[in-house]
PDB file of N, CA and C in Angstrom:
ATOM      1  N   MET A   1      42.102  29.389   5.766  1.00  0.00           N
ATOM      2  CA  MET A   1      41.925  27.976   5.447  1.00  0.00           C
ATOM      3  C   MET A   1      41.448  27.860   4.006  1.00  0.00           C
ATOM      4  N   SER A   2      41.837  26.830   3.335  1.00  0.00           N
ATOM      5  CA  SER A   2      41.449  26.644   1.940  1.00  0.00           C
ATOM      6  C   SER A   2      40.017  26.143   1.847  1.00  0.00           C
ATOM      7  N   ASN A   3      39.508  26.022   0.612  1.00  0.00           N
ATOM      8  CA  ASN A   3      38.152  25.538   0.391  1.00  0.00           C
ATOM      9  C   ASN A   3      37.999  24.069   0.752  1.00  0.00           C
ATOM     10  N   ALA A   4      39.086  23.321   0.749  1.00  0.00           N
ATOM     11  CA  ALA A   4      39.025  21.900   1.065  1.00  0.00           C
ATOM     12  C   ALA A   4      39.086  21.718   2.577  1.00  0.00           C
ATOM     13  N   ASN A   5      37.982  21.259   3.151  1.00  0.00           N
ATOM     14  CA  ASN A   5      37.939  21.016   4.586  1.00  0.00           C
ATOM     15  C   ASN A   5      38.348  19.570   4.849  1.00  0.00           C
ATOM     16  N   PRO A   6      39.298  19.373   5.765  1.00  0.00           N
ATOM     17  CA  PRO A   6      39.730  18.016   6.078  1.00  0.00           C
ATOM     18  C   PRO A   6      38.580  17.164   6.627  1.00  0.00           C
ATOM     19  N   VAL A   7      38.522  15.933   6.187  1.00  0.00           N
ATOM     20  CA  VAL A   7      37.528  14.968   6.667  1.00  0.00           C
ATOM     21  C   VAL A   7      38.264  13.693   7.047  1.00  0.00           C
ATOM     22  N   MET A   8      37.969  13.177   8.229  1.00  0.00           N
ATOM     23  CA  MET A   8      38.538  11.913   8.682  1.00  0.00           C
ATOM     24  C   MET A   8      37.410  10.902   8.796  1.00  0.00           C
ATOM     25  N   THR A   9      37.673   9.667   8.391  1.00  0.00           N
ATOM     26  CA  THR A   9      36.708   8.588   8.576  1.00  0.00           C
ATOM     27  C   THR A   9      37.289   7.614   9.586  1.00  0.00           C
ATOM     28  N   ILE A  10      36.493   7.304  10.586  1.00  0.00           N
ATOM     29  CA  ILE A  10      36.909   6.399  11.656  1.00  0.00           C
ATOM     30  C   ILE A  10      36.054   5.138  11.586  1.00  0.00           C
ATOM     31  N   LYS A  11      36.696   3.986  11.559  1.00  0.00           N
ATOM     32  CA  LYS A  11      36.014   2.694  11.679  1.00  0.00           C
ATOM     33  C   LYS A  11      36.397   2.149  13.042  1.00  0.00           C
ATOM     34  N   VAL A  12      35.452   2.113  13.954  1.00  0.00           N
ATOM     35  CA  VAL A  12      35.777   1.661  15.304  1.00  0.00           C
ATOM     36  C   VAL A  12      35.817   0.142  15.362  1.00  0.00           C
ATOM     37  N   GLU A  13      36.792  -0.353  16.091  1.00  0.00           N
ATOM     38  CA  GLU A  13      36.982  -1.795  16.239  1.00  0.00           C
ATOM     39  C   GLU A  13      35.985  -2.374  17.242  1.00  0.00           C
ATOM     40  N   ASP A  14      35.786  -1.655  18.324  1.00  0.00           N
ATOM     41  CA  ASP A  14      34.894  -2.126  19.383  1.00  0.00           C
ATOM     42  C   ASP A  14      34.344  -0.915  20.137  1.00  0.00           C
ATOM     43  N   PRO A  15      33.217  -1.072  20.792  1.00  0.00           N
ATOM     44  CA  PRO A  15      32.591   0.062  21.499  1.00  0.00           C
ATOM     45  C   PRO A  15      33.485   0.676  22.571  1.00  0.00           C
ATOM     46  N   ASP A  16      34.335  -0.123  23.196  1.00  0.00           N
ATOM     47  CA  ASP A  16      35.192   0.389  24.265  1.00  0.00           C
ATOM     48  C   ASP A  16      36.219   1.404  23.762  1.00  0.00           C
ATOM     49  N   SER A  17      36.674   1.258  22.534  1.00  0.00           N
ATOM     50  CA  SER A  17      37.683   2.175  22.006  1.00  0.00           C
ATOM     51  C   SER A  17      37.089   3.326  21.202  1.00  0.00           C
ATOM     52  N   ARG A  18      35.777   3.304  20.974  1.00  0.00           N
ATOM     53  CA  ARG A  18      35.119   4.331  20.158  1.00  0.00           C
ATOM     54  C   ARG A  18      35.408   5.746  20.662  1.00  0.00           C
ATOM     55  N   ASP A  19      35.163   5.994  21.939  1.00  0.00           N
ATOM     56  CA  ASP A  19      35.345   7.342  22.469  1.00  0.00           C
ATOM     57  C   ASP A  19      36.792   7.806  22.358  1.00  0.00           C
ATOM     58  N   GLN A  20      37.726   6.919  22.609  1.00  0.00           N
ATOM     59  CA  GLN A  20      39.138   7.282  22.505  1.00  0.00           C
ATOM     60  C   GLN A  20      39.500   7.648  21.061  1.00  0.00           C
ATOM     61  N   GLN A  21      39.037   6.863  20.101  1.00  0.00           N
ATOM     62  CA  GLN A  21      39.328   7.147  18.692  1.00  0.00           C
ATOM     63  C   GLN A  21      38.710   8.468  18.256  1.00  0.00           C
ATOM     64  N   LEU A  22      37.476   8.732  18.676  1.00  0.00           N
ATOM     65  CA  LEU A  22      36.820   9.993  18.320  1.00  0.00           C
ATOM     66  C   LEU A  22      37.498  11.178  18.992  1.00  0.00           C
ATOM     67  N   ASP A  23      37.924  11.023  20.236  1.00  0.00           N
ATOM     68  CA  ASP A  23      38.642  12.099  20.931  1.00  0.00           C
ATOM     69  C   ASP A  23      39.951  12.435  20.221  1.00  0.00           C
ATOM     70  N   GLN A  24      40.673  11.411  19.782  1.00  0.00           N
ATOM     71  CA  GLN A  24      41.933  11.647  19.068  1.00  0.00           C
ATOM     72  C   GLN A  24      41.694  12.394  17.756  1.00  0.00           C
ATOM     73  N   ALA A  25      40.668  11.988  17.027  1.00  0.00           N
ATOM     74  CA  ALA A  25      40.376  12.634  15.740  1.00  0.00           C
ATOM     75  C   ALA A  25      39.943  14.081  15.930  1.00  0.00           C
ATOM     76  N   THR A  26      39.069  14.339  16.899  1.00  0.00           N
ATOM     77  CA  THR A  26      38.623  15.720  17.122  1.00  0.00           C
ATOM     78  C   THR A  26      39.774  16.581  17.633  1.00  0.00           C
ATOM     79  N   SER A  27      40.680  16.016  18.410  1.00  0.00           N
ATOM     80  CA  SER A  27      41.838  16.780  18.879  1.00  0.00           C
ATOM     81  C   SER A  27      42.723  17.210  17.713  1.00  0.00           C
ATOM     82  N   LEU A  28      42.938  16.301  16.765  1.00  0.00           N
ATOM     83  CA  LEU A  28      43.738  16.650  15.587  1.00  0.00           C
ATOM     84  C   LEU A  28      43.096  17.774  14.785  1.00  0.00           C
ATOM     85  N   LEU A  29      41.795  17.682  14.556  1.00  0.00           N
ATOM     86  CA  LEU A  29      41.117  18.721  13.775  1.00  0.00           C
ATOM     87  C   LEU A  29      40.999  20.021  14.554  1.00  0.00           C
ATOM     88  N   ARG A  30      40.891  19.943  15.867  1.00  0.00           N
ATOM     89  CA  ARG A  30      40.814  21.161  16.683  1.00  0.00           C
ATOM     90  C   ARG A  30      42.064  22.005  16.485  1.00  0.00           C
ATOM     91  N   GLU A  31      43.210  21.356  16.322  1.00  0.00           N
ATOM     92  CA  GLU A  31      44.463  22.080  16.080  1.00  0.00           C
ATOM     93  C   GLU A  31      44.449  22.786  14.730  1.00  0.00           C
ATOM     94  N   MET A  32      43.699  22.258  13.773  1.00  0.00           N
ATOM     95  CA  MET A  32      43.638  22.831  12.428  1.00  0.00           C
ATOM     96  C   MET A  32      42.559  23.900  12.292  1.00  0.00           C
ATOM     97  N   ALA A  33      41.581  23.879  13.178  1.00  0.00           N
ATOM     98  CA  ALA A  33      40.445  24.805  13.079  1.00  0.00           C
ATOM     99  C   ALA A  33      40.898  26.217  13.437  1.00  0.00           C
ATOM    100  N   THR A  34      40.671  27.151  12.528  1.00  0.00           N
ATOM    101  CA  THR A  34      41.023  28.545  12.790  1.00  0.00           C
ATOM    102  C   THR A  34      39.800  29.453  12.785  1.00  0.00           C
ATOM    103  N   SER A  35      38.740  29.044  12.109  1.00  0.00           N
ATOM    104  CA  SER A  35      37.556  29.906  12.029  1.00  0.00           C
ATOM    105  C   SER A  35      36.262  29.112  11.909  1.00  0.00           C
ATOM    106  N   CYS A  36      36.313  27.831  12.215  1.00  0.00           N
ATOM    107  CA  CYS A  36      35.107  27.013  12.083  1.00  0.00           C
ATOM    108  C   CYS A  36      35.084  25.953  13.174  1.00  0.00           C
ATOM    109  N   GLY A  37      33.980  25.241  13.239  1.00  0.00           N
ATOM    110  CA  GLY A  37      33.826  24.182  14.222  1.00  0.00           C
ATOM    111  C   GLY A  37      34.024  22.813  13.610  1.00  0.00           C
ATOM    112  N   ILE A  38      33.673  21.795  14.403  1.00  0.00           N
ATOM    113  CA  ILE A  38      33.883  20.413  13.991  1.00  0.00           C
ATOM    114  C   ILE A  38      32.545  19.688  13.951  1.00  0.00           C
ATOM    115  N   LEU A  39      32.336  18.923  12.902  1.00  0.00           N
ATOM    116  CA  LEU A  39      31.131  18.120  12.738  1.00  0.00           C
ATOM    117  C   LEU A  39      31.506  16.647  12.829  1.00  0.00           C
ATOM    118  N   VAL A  40      30.877  15.938  13.792  1.00  0.00           N
ATOM    119  CA  VAL A  40      31.066  14.497  13.946  1.00  0.00           C
ATOM    120  C   VAL A  40      29.772  13.830  13.494  1.00  0.00           C
ATOM    121  N   THR A  41      29.866  12.966  12.487  1.00  0.00           N
ATOM    122  CA  THR A  41      28.679  12.305  11.945  1.00  0.00           C
ATOM    123  C   THR A  41      28.804  10.794  12.131  1.00  0.00           C
ATOM    124  N   ARG A  42      27.786  10.221  12.759  1.00  0.00           N
ATOM    125  CA  ARG A  42      27.736   8.760  12.916  1.00  0.00           C
ATOM    126  C   ARG A  42      27.005   8.205  11.706  1.00  0.00           C
ATOM    127  N   ILE A  43      27.728   7.457  10.868  1.00  0.00           N
ATOM    128  CA  ILE A  43      27.180   6.898   9.635  1.00  0.00           C
ATOM    129  C   ILE A  43      26.427   5.604   9.932  1.00  0.00           C
ATOM    130  N   ASP A  44      27.073   4.732  10.682  1.00  0.00           N
ATOM    131  CA  ASP A  44      26.453   3.490  11.134  1.00  0.00           C
ATOM    132  C   ASP A  44      27.087   3.139  12.479  1.00  0.00           C
ATOM    133  N   PHE A  45      26.901   1.933  12.955  1.00  0.00           N
ATOM    134  CA  PHE A  45      27.374   1.580  14.290  1.00  0.00           C
ATOM    135  C   PHE A  45      28.893   1.590  14.430  1.00  0.00           C
ATOM    136  N   THR A  46      29.625   1.473  13.332  1.00  0.00           N
ATOM    137  CA  THR A  46      31.086   1.421  13.414  1.00  0.00           C
ATOM    138  C   THR A  46      31.799   2.504  12.618  1.00  0.00           C
ATOM    139  N   THR A  47      31.063   3.346  11.885  1.00  0.00           N
ATOM    140  CA  THR A  47      31.692   4.327  11.006  1.00  0.00           C
ATOM    141  C   THR A  47      31.278   5.744  11.388  1.00  0.00           C
ATOM    142  N   PHE A  48      32.286   6.614  11.536  1.00  0.00           N
ATOM    143  CA  PHE A  48      32.076   8.017  11.867  1.00  0.00           C
ATOM    144  C   PHE A  48      32.926   8.863  10.932  1.00  0.00           C
ATOM    145  N   THR A  49      32.439  10.057  10.601  1.00  0.00           N
ATOM    146  CA  THR A  49      33.283  11.040   9.924  1.00  0.00           C
ATOM    147  C   THR A  49      33.436  12.225  10.852  1.00  0.00           C
ATOM    148  N   ILE A  50      34.607  12.824  10.809  1.00  0.00           N
ATOM    149  CA  ILE A  50      34.911  14.011  11.606  1.00  0.00           C
ATOM    150  C   ILE A  50      35.470  15.028  10.625  1.00  0.00           C
ATOM    151  N   ALA A  51      34.858  16.223  10.596  1.00  0.00           N
ATOM    152  CA  ALA A  51      35.258  17.209   9.598  1.00  0.00           C
ATOM    153  C   ALA A  51      35.176  18.625  10.155  1.00  0.00           C
ATOM    154  N   LEU A  52      36.014  19.492   9.619  1.00  0.00           N
ATOM    155  CA  LEU A  52      35.867  20.918   9.891  1.00  0.00           C
ATOM    156  C   LEU A  52      34.683  21.415   9.079  1.00  0.00           C
ATOM    157  N   SER A  53      33.865  22.269   9.701  1.00  0.00           N
ATOM    158  CA  SER A  53      32.676  22.752   9.002  1.00  0.00           C
ATOM    159  C   SER A  53      32.478  24.250   9.243  1.00  0.00           C
ATOM    160  N   PRO A  54      32.437  25.040   8.166  1.00  0.00           N
ATOM    161  CA  PRO A  54      32.200  26.475   8.327  1.00  0.00           C
ATOM    162  C   PRO A  54      30.779  26.790   8.802  1.00  0.00           C
ATOM    163  N   LYS A  55      29.888  25.802   8.769  1.00  0.00           N
ATOM    164  CA  LYS A  55      28.512  26.006   9.236  1.00  0.00           C
ATOM    165  C   LYS A  55      28.414  25.939  10.763  1.00  0.00           C
ATOM    166  N   ILE A  56      29.496  25.539  11.410  1.00  0.00           N
ATOM    167  CA  ILE A  56      29.524  25.417  12.869  1.00  0.00           C
ATOM    168  C   ILE A  56      30.466  26.485  13.413  1.00  0.00           C
ATOM    169  N   HIS A  57      30.017  27.183  14.445  1.00  0.00           N
ATOM    170  CA  HIS A  57      30.819  28.258  15.025  1.00  0.00           C
ATOM    171  C   HIS A  57      32.135  27.732  15.585  1.00  0.00           C
ATOM    172  N   PHE A  58      33.162  28.556  15.464  1.00  0.00           N
ATOM    173  CA  PHE A  58      34.486  28.228  15.978  1.00  0.00           C
ATOM    174  C   PHE A  58      34.396  27.837  17.459  1.00  0.00           C
ATOM    175  N   GLY A  59      35.062  26.751  17.817  1.00  0.00           N
ATOM    176  CA  GLY A  59      35.090  26.309  19.200  1.00  0.00           C
ATOM    177  C   GLY A  59      34.015  25.303  19.565  1.00  0.00           C
ATOM    178  N   TYR A  60      33.095  25.020  18.633  1.00  0.00           N
ATOM    179  CA  TYR A  60      32.005  24.098  18.908  1.00  0.00           C
ATOM    180  C   TYR A  60      32.183  22.785  18.150  1.00  0.00           C
ATOM    181  N   ILE A  61      31.619  21.726  18.723  1.00  0.00           N
ATOM    182  CA  ILE A  61      31.568  20.429  18.064  1.00  0.00           C
ATOM    183  C   ILE A  61      30.099  20.028  18.005  1.00  0.00           C
ATOM    184  N   ARG A  62      29.617  19.727  16.804  1.00  0.00           N
ATOM    185  CA  ARG A  62      28.237  19.279  16.626  1.00  0.00           C
ATOM    186  C   ARG A  62      28.262  17.801  16.224  1.00  0.00           C
ATOM    187  N   GLU A  63      27.335  17.042  16.817  1.00  0.00           N
ATOM    188  CA  GLU A  63      27.223  15.627  16.507  1.00  0.00           C
ATOM    189  C   GLU A  63      25.926  15.364  15.759  1.00  0.00           C
ATOM    190  N   VAL A  64      26.020  14.557  14.696  1.00  0.00           N
ATOM    191  CA  VAL A  64      24.854  14.179  13.908  1.00  0.00           C
ATOM    192  C   VAL A  64      24.835  12.652  13.846  1.00  0.00           C
ATOM    193  N   ASP A  65      23.671  12.070  14.081  1.00  0.00           N
ATOM    194  CA  ASP A  65      23.510  10.622  14.067  1.00  0.00           C
ATOM    195  C   ASP A  65      22.604  10.259  12.895  1.00  0.00           C
ATOM    196  N   LEU A  66      23.130   9.548  11.906  1.00  0.00           N
ATOM    197  CA  LEU A  66      22.353   9.179  10.721  1.00  0.00           C
ATOM    198  C   LEU A  66      21.618   7.855  10.869  1.00  0.00           C
ATOM    199  N   LEU A  67      21.691   7.241  12.027  1.00  0.00           N
ATOM    200  CA  LEU A  67      20.978   5.958  12.232  1.00  0.00           C
ATOM    201  C   LEU A  67      19.498   6.179  12.396  1.00  0.00           C
TER     202      LEU A  67
END
């Protein structure tokens, strides 16, 4: 994998669709992950980032809440 780790930003429309949108984003990045895990960061009530992170072991997803 290159030095540039993919990052997705999700703006959720409503709480009911939040989990579905996050599941779709993590599924896409899971396909790209070859040696690292996924970091999901809650920025505020409607904004999340999902990124591959070499600081997280392969196969794991870590969630961080900045609220």
